């Protein structure tokens, strides 16, 4: 019988001078380099930095879930 999946969550903040979506992509792309089994994300906060009356860059905070590897059976 297959063990049920268990997820761990981490919090990340991605940034972008282009868009909110790009800030999300930046965070997920970086996490994918070191975290295995990324499964889902939830945006928990969105902020922007203002310069000269316009958006300088976006900051998007995410909860990212990834599946834990199955425990080895002894």
PDB file of N, CA and C in Angstrom:
ATOM      1  N   UNK A   1       0.837  -1.180   0.000  1.00  0.00           N
ATOM      2  CA  UNK A   1       0.000   0.000   0.000  1.00  0.00           C
ATOM      3  C   UNK A   1       0.885   1.248   0.000  1.00  0.00           C
ATOM      4  N   UNK A   2       0.556   2.205  -0.839  1.00  0.00           N
ATOM      5  CA  UNK A   2       1.332   3.435  -0.934  1.00  0.00           C
ATOM      6  C   UNK A   2       1.057   4.325   0.274  1.00  0.00           C
ATOM      7  N   UNK A   3       2.151   4.862   0.852  1.00  0.00           N
ATOM      8  CA  UNK A   3       2.002   5.789   1.976  1.00  0.00           C
ATOM      9  C   UNK A   3       1.350   7.085   1.496  1.00  0.00           C
ATOM     10  N   UNK A   4       0.503   7.698   2.336  1.00  0.00           N
ATOM     11  CA  UNK A   4      -0.075   8.987   1.959  1.00  0.00           C
ATOM     12  C   UNK A   4       1.029  10.048   1.865  1.00  0.00           C
ATOM     13  N   UNK A   5       0.827  11.034   1.021  1.00  0.00           N
ATOM     14  CA  UNK A   5       1.815  12.094   0.842  1.00  0.00           C
ATOM     15  C   UNK A   5       1.759  13.072   2.005  1.00  0.00           C
ATOM     16  N   UNK A   6       2.942  13.480   2.468  1.00  0.00           N
ATOM     17  CA  UNK A   6       3.067  14.497   3.509  1.00  0.00           C
ATOM     18  C   UNK A   6       3.838  15.667   2.900  1.00  0.00           C
ATOM     19  N   UNK A   7       3.351  16.883   3.146  1.00  0.00           N
ATOM     20  CA  UNK A   7       3.967  18.073   2.585  1.00  0.00           C
ATOM     21  C   UNK A   7       4.601  18.921   3.676  1.00  0.00           C
ATOM     22  N   UNK A   8       5.697  19.559   3.350  1.00  0.00           N
ATOM     23  CA  UNK A   8       6.321  20.554   4.209  1.00  0.00           C
ATOM     24  C   UNK A   8       6.169  21.889   3.499  1.00  0.00           C
ATOM     25  N   UNK A   9       5.993  22.975   4.263  1.00  0.00           N
ATOM     26  CA  UNK A   9       5.887  24.295   3.646  1.00  0.00           C
ATOM     27  C   UNK A   9       7.048  25.182   4.076  1.00  0.00           C
ATOM     28  N   UNK A  10       7.465  26.028   3.152  1.00  0.00           N
ATOM     29  CA  UNK A  10       8.478  27.041   3.429  1.00  0.00           C
ATOM     30  C   UNK A  10       7.930  28.380   2.947  1.00  0.00           C
ATOM     31  N   UNK A  11       8.478  29.469   3.465  1.00  0.00           N
ATOM     32  CA  UNK A  11       8.048  30.792   3.036  1.00  0.00           C
ATOM     33  C   UNK A  11       9.175  31.443   2.251  1.00  0.00           C
ATOM     34  N   UNK A  12       8.846  31.984   1.088  1.00  0.00           N
ATOM     35  CA  UNK A  12       9.813  32.632   0.208  1.00  0.00           C
ATOM     36  C   UNK A  12       9.270  33.988  -0.221  1.00  0.00           C
ATOM     37  N   UNK A  13      10.167  34.913  -0.548  1.00  0.00           N
ATOM     38  CA  UNK A  13       9.769  36.181  -1.149  1.00  0.00           C
ATOM     39  C   UNK A  13      10.559  36.376  -2.425  1.00  0.00           C
ATOM     40  N   UNK A  14       9.845  36.446  -3.539  1.00  0.00           N
ATOM     41  CA  UNK A  14      10.469  36.693  -4.838  1.00  0.00           C
ATOM     42  C   UNK A  14      10.300  38.151  -5.213  1.00  0.00           C
ATOM     43  N   UNK A  15      11.247  38.678  -6.000  1.00  0.00           N
ATOM     44  CA  UNK A  15      11.175  40.066  -6.435  1.00  0.00           C
ATOM     45  C   UNK A  15      11.279  40.157  -7.952  1.00  0.00           C
ATOM     46  N   UNK A  16      10.741  41.243  -8.486  1.00  0.00           N
ATOM     47  CA  UNK A  16      10.826  41.494  -9.927  1.00  0.00           C
ATOM     48  C   UNK A  16      10.543  42.963 -10.198  1.00  0.00           C
ATOM     49  N   UNK A  17      11.248  43.514 -11.158  1.00  0.00           N
ATOM     50  CA  UNK A  17      10.953  44.884 -11.587  1.00  0.00           C
ATOM     51  C   UNK A  17       9.898  44.888 -12.687  1.00  0.00           C
ATOM     52  N   UNK A  18       9.489  43.699 -13.138  1.00  0.00           N
ATOM     53  CA  UNK A  18       8.561  43.566 -14.258  1.00  0.00           C
ATOM     54  C   UNK A  18       7.104  43.393 -13.836  1.00  0.00           C
ATOM     55  N   UNK A  19       6.827  42.367 -12.982  1.00  0.00           N
ATOM     56  CA  UNK A  19       5.433  42.065 -12.644  1.00  0.00           C
ATOM     57  C   UNK A  19       5.346  41.189 -11.401  1.00  0.00           C
ATOM     58  N   UNK A  20       4.132  41.100 -10.879  1.00  0.00           N
ATOM     59  CA  UNK A  20       3.862  40.209  -9.752  1.00  0.00           C
ATOM     60  C   UNK A  20       4.108  38.762 -10.168  1.00  0.00           C
ATOM     61  N   UNK A  21       3.624  38.391 -11.347  1.00  0.00           N
ATOM     62  CA  UNK A  21       3.792  37.017 -11.838  1.00  0.00           C
ATOM     63  C   UNK A  21       5.264  36.660 -11.980  1.00  0.00           C
ATOM     64  N   UNK A  22       6.072  37.611 -12.434  1.00  0.00           N
ATOM     65  CA  UNK A  22       7.504  37.365 -12.580  1.00  0.00           C
ATOM     66  C   UNK A  22       8.169  37.198 -11.215  1.00  0.00           C
ATOM     67  N   UNK A  23       7.697  37.930 -10.208  1.00  0.00           N
ATOM     68  CA  UNK A  23       8.233  37.781  -8.851  1.00  0.00           C
ATOM     69  C   UNK A  23       7.934  36.385  -8.310  1.00  0.00           C
ATOM     70  N   UNK A  24       6.726  35.879  -8.580  1.00  0.00           N
ATOM     71  CA  UNK A  24       6.376  34.505  -8.189  1.00  0.00           C
ATOM     72  C   UNK A  24       7.309  33.526  -8.892  1.00  0.00           C
ATOM     73  N   UNK A  25       7.483  33.708 -10.200  1.00  0.00           N
ATOM     74  CA  UNK A  25       8.354  32.830 -10.974  1.00  0.00           C
ATOM     75  C   UNK A  25       9.790  32.853 -10.484  1.00  0.00           C
ATOM     76  N   UNK A  26      10.276  34.027 -10.090  1.00  0.00           N
ATOM     77  CA  UNK A  26      11.634  34.154  -9.561  1.00  0.00           C
ATOM     78  C   UNK A  26      11.804  33.299  -8.307  1.00  0.00           C
ATOM     79  N   UNK A  27      10.847  33.382  -7.392  1.00  0.00           N
ATOM     80  CA  UNK A  27      10.920  32.601  -6.152  1.00  0.00           C
ATOM     81  C   UNK A  27      10.865  31.106  -6.435  1.00  0.00           C
ATOM     82  N   UNK A  28       9.946  30.686  -7.309  1.00  0.00           N
ATOM     83  CA  UNK A  28       9.802  29.256  -7.600  1.00  0.00           C
ATOM     84  C   UNK A  28      11.003  28.706  -8.363  1.00  0.00           C
ATOM     85  N   UNK A  29      11.533  29.490  -9.294  1.00  0.00           N
ATOM     86  CA  UNK A  29      12.703  29.048 -10.063  1.00  0.00           C
ATOM     87  C   UNK A  29      13.894  28.825  -9.136  1.00  0.00           C
ATOM     88  N   UNK A  30      14.097  29.756  -8.204  1.00  0.00           N
ATOM     89  CA  UNK A  30      15.223  29.622  -7.265  1.00  0.00           C
ATOM     90  C   UNK A  30      15.017  28.439  -6.328  1.00  0.00           C
ATOM     91  N   UNK A  31      13.815  28.264  -5.814  1.00  0.00           N
ATOM     92  CA  UNK A  31      13.534  27.142  -4.910  1.00  0.00           C
ATOM     93  C   UNK A  31      13.739  25.811  -5.618  1.00  0.00           C
ATOM     94  N   UNK A  32      13.374  25.738  -6.883  1.00  0.00           N
ATOM     95  CA  UNK A  32      13.487  24.494  -7.646  1.00  0.00           C
ATOM     96  C   UNK A  32      14.930  24.026  -7.793  1.00  0.00           C
ATOM     97  N   UNK A  33      15.900  24.926  -7.609  1.00  0.00           N
ATOM     98  CA  UNK A  33      17.317  24.554  -7.702  1.00  0.00           C
ATOM     99  C   UNK A  33      17.766  23.701  -6.520  1.00  0.00           C
ATOM    100  N   UNK A  34      17.120  23.864  -5.365  1.00  0.00           N
ATOM    101  CA  UNK A  34      17.584  23.162  -4.167  1.00  0.00           C
ATOM    102  C   UNK A  34      16.518  22.346  -3.439  1.00  0.00           C
ATOM    103  N   UNK A  35      15.257  22.546  -3.766  1.00  0.00           N
ATOM    104  CA  UNK A  35      14.175  21.828  -3.083  1.00  0.00           C
ATOM    105  C   UNK A  35      13.537  20.850  -4.059  1.00  0.00           C
ATOM    106  N   UNK A  36      13.449  19.594  -3.646  1.00  0.00           N
ATOM    107  CA  UNK A  36      12.837  18.569  -4.493  1.00  0.00           C
ATOM    108  C   UNK A  36      11.324  18.521  -4.276  1.00  0.00           C
ATOM    109  N   UNK A  37      10.620  18.062  -5.291  1.00  0.00           N
ATOM    110  CA  UNK A  37       9.188  17.743  -5.209  1.00  0.00           C
ATOM    111  C   UNK A  37       8.291  18.948  -4.906  1.00  0.00           C
ATOM    112  N   UNK A  38       8.618  20.123  -5.479  1.00  0.00           N
ATOM    113  CA  UNK A  38       7.727  21.279  -5.317  1.00  0.00           C
ATOM    114  C   UNK A  38       6.351  20.917  -5.849  1.00  0.00           C
ATOM    115  N   UNK A  39       5.310  21.248  -5.101  1.00  0.00           N
ATOM    116  CA  UNK A  39       3.960  20.822  -5.472  1.00  0.00           C
ATOM    117  C   UNK A  39       2.958  21.960  -5.634  1.00  0.00           C
ATOM    118  N   UNK A  40       3.009  22.974  -4.784  1.00  0.00           N
ATOM    119  CA  UNK A  40       2.001  24.026  -4.818  1.00  0.00           C
ATOM    120  C   UNK A  40       2.544  25.287  -4.164  1.00  0.00           C
ATOM    121  N   UNK A  41       1.856  26.405  -4.407  1.00  0.00           N
ATOM    122  CA  UNK A  41       2.196  27.645  -3.715  1.00  0.00           C
ATOM    123  C   UNK A  41       0.935  28.444  -3.421  1.00  0.00           C
ATOM    124  N   UNK A  42       1.050  29.315  -2.425  1.00  0.00           N
ATOM    125  CA  UNK A  42      -0.040  30.216  -2.045  1.00  0.00           C
ATOM    126  C   UNK A  42       0.567  31.597  -1.828  1.00  0.00           C
ATOM    127  N   UNK A  43       0.062  32.599  -2.520  1.00  0.00           N
ATOM    128  CA  UNK A  43       0.530  33.967  -2.319  1.00  0.00           C
ATOM    129  C   UNK A  43      -0.043  34.473  -0.994  1.00  0.00           C
ATOM    130  N   UNK A  44       0.842  34.904  -0.093  1.00  0.00           N
ATOM    131  CA  UNK A  44       0.397  35.383   1.215  1.00  0.00           C
ATOM    132  C   UNK A  44       0.539  36.891   1.372  1.00  0.00           C
ATOM    133  N   UNK A  45       1.366  37.518   0.532  1.00  0.00           N
ATOM    134  CA  UNK A  45       1.539  38.966   0.634  1.00  0.00           C
ATOM    135  C   UNK A  45       2.102  39.500  -0.678  1.00  0.00           C
ATOM    136  N   UNK A  46       1.688  40.693  -1.037  1.00  0.00           N
ATOM    137  CA  UNK A  46       2.210  41.369  -2.223  1.00  0.00           C
ATOM    138  C   UNK A  46       2.547  42.800  -1.833  1.00  0.00           C
ATOM    139  N   UNK A  47       3.766  43.199  -2.149  1.00  0.00           N
ATOM    140  CA  UNK A  47       4.218  44.556  -1.840  1.00  0.00           C
ATOM    141  C   UNK A  47       4.914  45.138  -3.065  1.00  0.00           C
ATOM    142  N   UNK A  48       5.050  46.451  -3.075  1.00  0.00           N
ATOM    143  CA  UNK A  48       5.798  47.113  -4.134  1.00  0.00           C
ATOM    144  C   UNK A  48       6.672  48.206  -3.570  1.00  0.00           C
ATOM    145  N   UNK A  49       7.764  48.470  -4.263  1.00  0.00           N
ATOM    146  CA  UNK A  49       8.671  49.540  -3.896  1.00  0.00           C
ATOM    147  C   UNK A  49       8.458  50.674  -4.894  1.00  0.00           C
ATOM    148  N   UNK A  50       8.288  51.896  -4.382  1.00  0.00           N
ATOM    149  CA  UNK A  50       7.979  53.046  -5.235  1.00  0.00           C
ATOM    150  C   UNK A  50       9.236  53.885  -5.457  1.00  0.00           C
ATOM    151  N   UNK A  51       9.425  54.271  -6.708  1.00  0.00           N
ATOM    152  CA  UNK A  51      10.522  55.179  -7.047  1.00  0.00           C
ATOM    153  C   UNK A  51      10.030  56.152  -8.117  1.00  0.00           C
ATOM    154  N   UNK A  52      10.204  57.437  -7.872  1.00  0.00           N
ATOM    155  CA  UNK A  52       9.790  58.486  -8.818  1.00  0.00           C
ATOM    156  C   UNK A  52       8.325  58.343  -9.239  1.00  0.00           C
ATOM    157  N   UNK A  53       7.483  57.999  -8.283  1.00  0.00           N
ATOM    158  CA  UNK A  53       6.054  57.918  -8.531  1.00  0.00           C
ATOM    159  C   UNK A  53       5.574  56.668  -9.236  1.00  0.00           C
ATOM    160  N   UNK A  54       6.467  55.715  -9.494  1.00  0.00           N
ATOM    161  CA  UNK A  54       6.082  54.468 -10.159  1.00  0.00           C
ATOM    162  C   UNK A  54       6.622  53.260  -9.418  1.00  0.00           C
ATOM    163  N   UNK A  55       6.250  52.101  -9.895  1.00  0.00           N
ATOM    164  CA  UNK A  55       6.703  50.856  -9.265  1.00  0.00           C
ATOM    165  C   UNK A  55       8.163  50.606  -9.636  1.00  0.00           C
ATOM    166  N   UNK A  56       9.015  50.504  -8.620  1.00  0.00           N
ATOM    167  CA  UNK A  56      10.424  50.159  -8.851  1.00  0.00           C
ATOM    168  C   UNK A  56      10.565  48.652  -8.963  1.00  0.00           C
ATOM    169  N   UNK A  57       9.994  47.936  -7.976  1.00  0.00           N
ATOM    170  CA  UNK A  57       9.953  46.481  -8.068  1.00  0.00           C
ATOM    171  C   UNK A  57       8.862  45.922  -7.168  1.00  0.00           C
ATOM    172  N   UNK A  58       8.468  44.702  -7.493  1.00  0.00           N
ATOM    173  CA  UNK A  58       7.441  43.965  -6.753  1.00  0.00           C
ATOM    174  C   UNK A  58       8.109  42.977  -5.812  1.00  0.00           C
ATOM    175  N   UNK A  59       7.469  42.732  -4.669  1.00  0.00           N
ATOM    176  CA  UNK A  59       7.878  41.689  -3.728  1.00  0.00           C
ATOM    177  C   UNK A  59       6.644  40.838  -3.449  1.00  0.00           C
ATOM    178  N   UNK A  60       6.747  39.544  -3.708  1.00  0.00           N
ATOM    179  CA  UNK A  60       5.621  38.639  -3.485  1.00  0.00           C
ATOM    180  C   UNK A  60       6.071  37.532  -2.540  1.00  0.00           C
ATOM    181  N   UNK A  61       5.368  37.401  -1.418  1.00  0.00           N
ATOM    182  CA  UNK A  61       5.684  36.360  -0.444  1.00  0.00           C
ATOM    183  C   UNK A  61       4.764  35.170  -0.682  1.00  0.00           C
ATOM    184  N   UNK A  62       5.364  33.987  -0.675  1.00  0.00           N
ATOM    185  CA  UNK A  62       4.646  32.744  -0.968  1.00  0.00           C
ATOM    186  C   UNK A  62       4.866  31.721   0.128  1.00  0.00           C
ATOM    187  N   UNK A  63       3.860  30.902   0.363  1.00  0.00           N
ATOM    188  CA  UNK A  63       4.042  29.632   1.057  1.00  0.00           C
ATOM    189  C   UNK A  63       4.196  28.611  -0.054  1.00  0.00           C
ATOM    190  N   UNK A  64       5.250  27.838  -0.005  1.00  0.00           N
ATOM    191  CA  UNK A  64       5.509  26.829  -1.035  1.00  0.00           C
ATOM    192  C   UNK A  64       5.491  25.458  -0.379  1.00  0.00           C
ATOM    193  N   UNK A  65       4.714  24.538  -0.942  1.00  0.00           N
ATOM    194  CA  UNK A  65       4.622  23.182  -0.409  1.00  0.00           C
ATOM    195  C   UNK A  65       5.391  22.206  -1.273  1.00  0.00           C
ATOM    196  N   UNK A  66       6.077  21.301  -0.610  1.00  0.00           N
ATOM    197  CA  UNK A  66       6.768  20.239  -1.337  1.00  0.00           C
ATOM    198  C   UNK A  66       6.562  18.921  -0.610  1.00  0.00           C
ATOM    199  N   UNK A  67       6.503  17.852  -1.389  1.00  0.00           N
ATOM    200  CA  UNK A  67       6.256  16.521  -0.830  1.00  0.00           C
ATOM    201  C   UNK A  67       7.532  15.977  -0.205  1.00  0.00           C
ATOM    202  N   UNK A  68       7.401  15.467   0.998  1.00  0.00           N
ATOM    203  CA  UNK A  68       8.537  14.801   1.635  1.00  0.00           C
ATOM    204  C   UNK A  68       8.730  13.440   0.990  1.00  0.00           C
ATOM    205  N   UNK A  69       9.990  13.037   0.870  1.00  0.00           N
ATOM    206  CA  UNK A  69      10.269  11.719   0.308  1.00  0.00           C
ATOM    207  C   UNK A  69       9.778  10.654   1.277  1.00  0.00           C
ATOM    208  N   UNK A  70       9.345   9.539   0.734  1.00  0.00           N
ATOM    209  CA  UNK A  70       8.856   8.436   1.567  1.00  0.00           C
ATOM    210  C   UNK A  70       9.980   7.930   2.461  1.00  0.00           C
ATOM    211  N   UNK A  71       9.626   7.599   3.683  1.00  0.00           N
ATOM    212  CA  UNK A  71      10.605   7.046   4.614  1.00  0.00           C
ATOM    213  C   UNK A  71      11.012   5.661   4.135  1.00  0.00           C
ATOM    214  N   UNK A  72      12.293   5.374   4.256  1.00  0.00           N
ATOM    215  CA  UNK A  72      12.746   4.040   3.847  1.00  0.00           C
ATOM    216  C   UNK A  72      12.303   3.026   4.890  1.00  0.00           C
ATOM    217  N   UNK A  73      11.854   1.883   4.411  1.00  0.00           N
ATOM    218  CA  UNK A  73      11.387   0.829   5.321  1.00  0.00           C
ATOM    219  C   UNK A  73      12.557  -0.069   5.673  1.00  0.00           C
ATOM    220  N   UNK A  74      12.662  -0.382   6.944  1.00  0.00           N
ATOM    221  CA  UNK A  74      13.766  -1.236   7.418  1.00  0.00           C
ATOM    222  C   UNK A  74      13.318  -2.653   7.584  1.00  0.00           C
TER     223      UNK A  74
END
